[in-house]
Amino acid sequence: MGEESERLGHLKPDQKVQIAIDMTDGCMRVCADGIRQQFPGISDEALLDKLRERIKWAKENP
């Protein structure tokens, strides 16, 4: 990861923020897809509730 870290170090701050946002979006989509697989037909509201629960659980159980 040394070479990759070096490349990231040369990015502008706004580029680094955008990469972090994109990575977070990707993680949320993967998690949401997993919830949809577990609960077919789940409403958008219920999906968001379950997604929030999982994020909260992950923060409390590192």
N, C-alpha and C. Protein backbone atom coordinates (compact mmCIF):
# COMPACT_ATOMS: atom_id res chain seq x y z
N MET A 1 0.82 -1.18 0.00
CA MET A 1 0.00 0.00 0.00
C MET A 1 0.87 1.26 0.00
N GLY A 2 2.14 1.15 0.07
CA GLY A 2 3.02 2.30 0.09
C GLY A 2 2.88 3.18 -1.13
N GLU A 3 2.87 2.57 -2.31
CA GLU A 3 2.74 3.33 -3.56
C GLU A 3 1.37 3.99 -3.63
N GLU A 4 0.35 3.27 -3.22
CA GLU A 4 -1.01 3.82 -3.24
C GLU A 4 -1.14 4.99 -2.26
N SER A 5 -0.55 4.86 -1.09
CA SER A 5 -0.58 5.94 -0.11
C SER A 5 0.12 7.17 -0.65
N GLU A 6 1.20 6.95 -1.35
CA GLU A 6 1.94 8.07 -1.93
C GLU A 6 1.09 8.79 -2.97
N ARG A 7 0.37 8.03 -3.79
CA ARG A 7 -0.50 8.66 -4.79
C ARG A 7 -1.62 9.44 -4.12
N LEU A 8 -2.20 8.89 -3.07
CA LEU A 8 -3.26 9.59 -2.35
C LEU A 8 -2.75 10.87 -1.72
N GLY A 9 -1.51 10.86 -1.28
CA GLY A 9 -0.91 12.03 -0.67
C GLY A 9 -0.78 13.20 -1.63
N HIS A 10 -0.77 12.90 -2.91
CA HIS A 10 -0.63 13.97 -3.91
C HIS A 10 -1.98 14.53 -4.35
N LEU A 11 -3.06 13.95 -3.90
CA LEU A 11 -4.38 14.45 -4.30
C LEU A 11 -4.73 15.72 -3.54
N LYS A 12 -5.56 16.52 -4.15
CA LYS A 12 -6.06 17.72 -3.49
C LYS A 12 -7.06 17.29 -2.41
N PRO A 13 -7.21 18.09 -1.37
CA PRO A 13 -8.13 17.73 -0.29
C PRO A 13 -9.55 17.42 -0.77
N ASP A 14 -10.05 18.21 -1.73
CA ASP A 14 -11.41 17.95 -2.21
C ASP A 14 -11.49 16.63 -2.95
N GLN A 15 -10.42 16.20 -3.59
CA GLN A 15 -10.40 14.91 -4.25
C GLN A 15 -10.42 13.78 -3.23
N LYS A 16 -9.70 13.95 -2.13
CA LYS A 16 -9.69 12.95 -1.06
C LYS A 16 -11.07 12.82 -0.44
N VAL A 17 -11.73 13.96 -0.23
CA VAL A 17 -13.08 13.93 0.33
C VAL A 17 -14.02 13.20 -0.62
N GLN A 18 -13.92 13.47 -1.91
CA GLN A 18 -14.79 12.81 -2.88
C GLN A 18 -14.56 11.30 -2.89
N ILE A 19 -13.32 10.87 -2.78
CA ILE A 19 -13.02 9.44 -2.72
C ILE A 19 -13.67 8.82 -1.48
N ALA A 20 -13.57 9.50 -0.35
CA ALA A 20 -14.18 9.00 0.89
C ALA A 20 -15.70 8.90 0.75
N ILE A 21 -16.31 9.92 0.12
CA ILE A 21 -17.77 9.90 -0.09
C ILE A 21 -18.15 8.74 -1.00
N ASP A 22 -17.41 8.55 -2.08
CA ASP A 22 -17.70 7.46 -3.01
C ASP A 22 -17.57 6.10 -2.34
N MET A 23 -16.55 5.94 -1.50
CA MET A 23 -16.35 4.67 -0.80
C MET A 23 -17.50 4.42 0.18
N THR A 24 -17.91 5.47 0.88
CA THR A 24 -19.01 5.34 1.83
C THR A 24 -20.30 4.98 1.10
N ASP A 25 -20.56 5.64 -0.03
CA ASP A 25 -21.73 5.32 -0.84
C ASP A 25 -21.72 3.85 -1.24
N GLY A 26 -20.58 3.38 -1.69
CA GLY A 26 -20.46 1.98 -2.09
C GLY A 26 -20.76 1.02 -0.95
N CYS A 27 -20.23 1.32 0.22
CA CYS A 27 -20.48 0.48 1.40
C CYS A 27 -21.96 0.46 1.76
N MET A 28 -22.60 1.63 1.70
CA MET A 28 -24.02 1.72 2.04
C MET A 28 -24.87 0.93 1.05
N ARG A 29 -24.50 0.99 -0.22
CA ARG A 29 -25.25 0.25 -1.24
C ARG A 29 -25.11 -1.26 -1.06
N VAL A 30 -23.92 -1.71 -0.73
CA VAL A 30 -23.71 -3.14 -0.49
C VAL A 30 -24.53 -3.59 0.71
N CYS A 31 -24.52 -2.80 1.78
CA CYS A 31 -25.28 -3.13 2.97
C CYS A 31 -26.78 -3.12 2.66
N ALA A 32 -27.25 -2.11 1.94
CA ALA A 32 -28.67 -2.03 1.57
C ALA A 32 -29.07 -3.22 0.71
N ASP A 33 -28.21 -3.63 -0.21
CA ASP A 33 -28.51 -4.80 -1.04
C ASP A 33 -28.63 -6.06 -0.19
N GLY A 34 -27.78 -6.18 0.82
CA GLY A 34 -27.86 -7.32 1.73
C GLY A 34 -29.17 -7.34 2.50
N ILE A 35 -29.60 -6.16 2.94
CA ILE A 35 -30.88 -6.07 3.66
C ILE A 35 -32.02 -6.44 2.72
N ARG A 36 -31.98 -5.96 1.49
CA ARG A 36 -33.04 -6.29 0.52
C ARG A 36 -33.10 -7.79 0.26
N GLN A 37 -31.94 -8.45 0.26
CA GLN A 37 -31.92 -9.90 0.05
C GLN A 37 -32.55 -10.62 1.23
N GLN A 38 -32.29 -10.11 2.44
CA GLN A 38 -32.86 -10.72 3.64
C GLN A 38 -34.35 -10.46 3.76
N PHE A 39 -34.79 -9.29 3.28
CA PHE A 39 -36.18 -8.87 3.44
C PHE A 39 -36.75 -8.45 2.09
N PRO A 40 -37.05 -9.41 1.23
CA PRO A 40 -37.61 -9.06 -0.08
C PRO A 40 -38.91 -8.26 0.09
N GLY A 41 -39.08 -7.24 -0.70
CA GLY A 41 -40.28 -6.44 -0.64
C GLY A 41 -40.28 -5.38 0.45
N ILE A 42 -39.14 -5.20 1.12
CA ILE A 42 -39.05 -4.21 2.20
C ILE A 42 -39.30 -2.80 1.63
N SER A 43 -40.00 -1.99 2.39
CA SER A 43 -40.26 -0.61 1.94
C SER A 43 -38.96 0.20 2.07
N ASP A 44 -38.92 1.31 1.36
CA ASP A 44 -37.74 2.18 1.43
C ASP A 44 -37.54 2.69 2.85
N GLU A 45 -38.63 3.05 3.51
CA GLU A 45 -38.54 3.56 4.88
C GLU A 45 -37.98 2.50 5.83
N ALA A 46 -38.48 1.28 5.71
CA ALA A 46 -38.00 0.20 6.57
C ALA A 46 -36.54 -0.14 6.25
N LEU A 47 -36.19 -0.06 4.97
CA LEU A 47 -34.80 -0.31 4.56
C LEU A 47 -33.87 0.70 5.22
N LEU A 48 -34.25 1.97 5.18
CA LEU A 48 -33.41 3.00 5.82
C LEU A 48 -33.30 2.78 7.32
N ASP A 49 -34.40 2.37 7.95
CA ASP A 49 -34.36 2.07 9.39
C ASP A 49 -33.37 0.95 9.69
N LYS A 50 -33.45 -0.12 8.91
CA LYS A 50 -32.55 -1.26 9.12
C LYS A 50 -31.10 -0.86 8.83
N LEU A 51 -30.89 -0.05 7.82
CA LEU A 51 -29.55 0.41 7.48
C LEU A 51 -28.98 1.24 8.63
N ARG A 52 -29.79 2.12 9.20
CA ARG A 52 -29.36 2.91 10.35
C ARG A 52 -29.01 2.00 11.53
N GLU A 53 -29.84 0.98 11.75
CA GLU A 53 -29.57 0.04 12.85
C GLU A 53 -28.22 -0.64 12.66
N ARG A 54 -27.94 -1.06 11.44
CA ARG A 54 -26.66 -1.74 11.18
C ARG A 54 -25.47 -0.81 11.34
N ILE A 55 -25.62 0.43 10.91
CA ILE A 55 -24.53 1.38 11.06
C ILE A 55 -24.29 1.64 12.55
N LYS A 56 -25.38 1.83 13.30
CA LYS A 56 -25.27 2.05 14.74
C LYS A 56 -24.60 0.84 15.40
N TRP A 57 -25.02 -0.36 15.03
CA TRP A 57 -24.44 -1.57 15.62
C TRP A 57 -22.94 -1.64 15.32
N ALA A 58 -22.57 -1.33 14.06
CA ALA A 58 -21.16 -1.39 13.67
C ALA A 58 -20.32 -0.40 14.47
N LYS A 59 -20.87 0.78 14.76
CA LYS A 59 -20.13 1.76 15.54
C LYS A 59 -19.96 1.30 16.99
N GLU A 60 -20.96 0.61 17.50
CA GLU A 60 -20.91 0.17 18.90
C GLU A 60 -20.13 -1.13 19.09
N ASN A 61 -19.88 -1.85 17.99
CA ASN A 61 -19.21 -3.15 18.06
C ASN A 61 -18.06 -3.21 17.06
N PRO A 62 -17.01 -2.41 17.29
CA PRO A 62 -15.91 -2.36 16.31
C PRO A 62 -15.13 -3.66 16.22
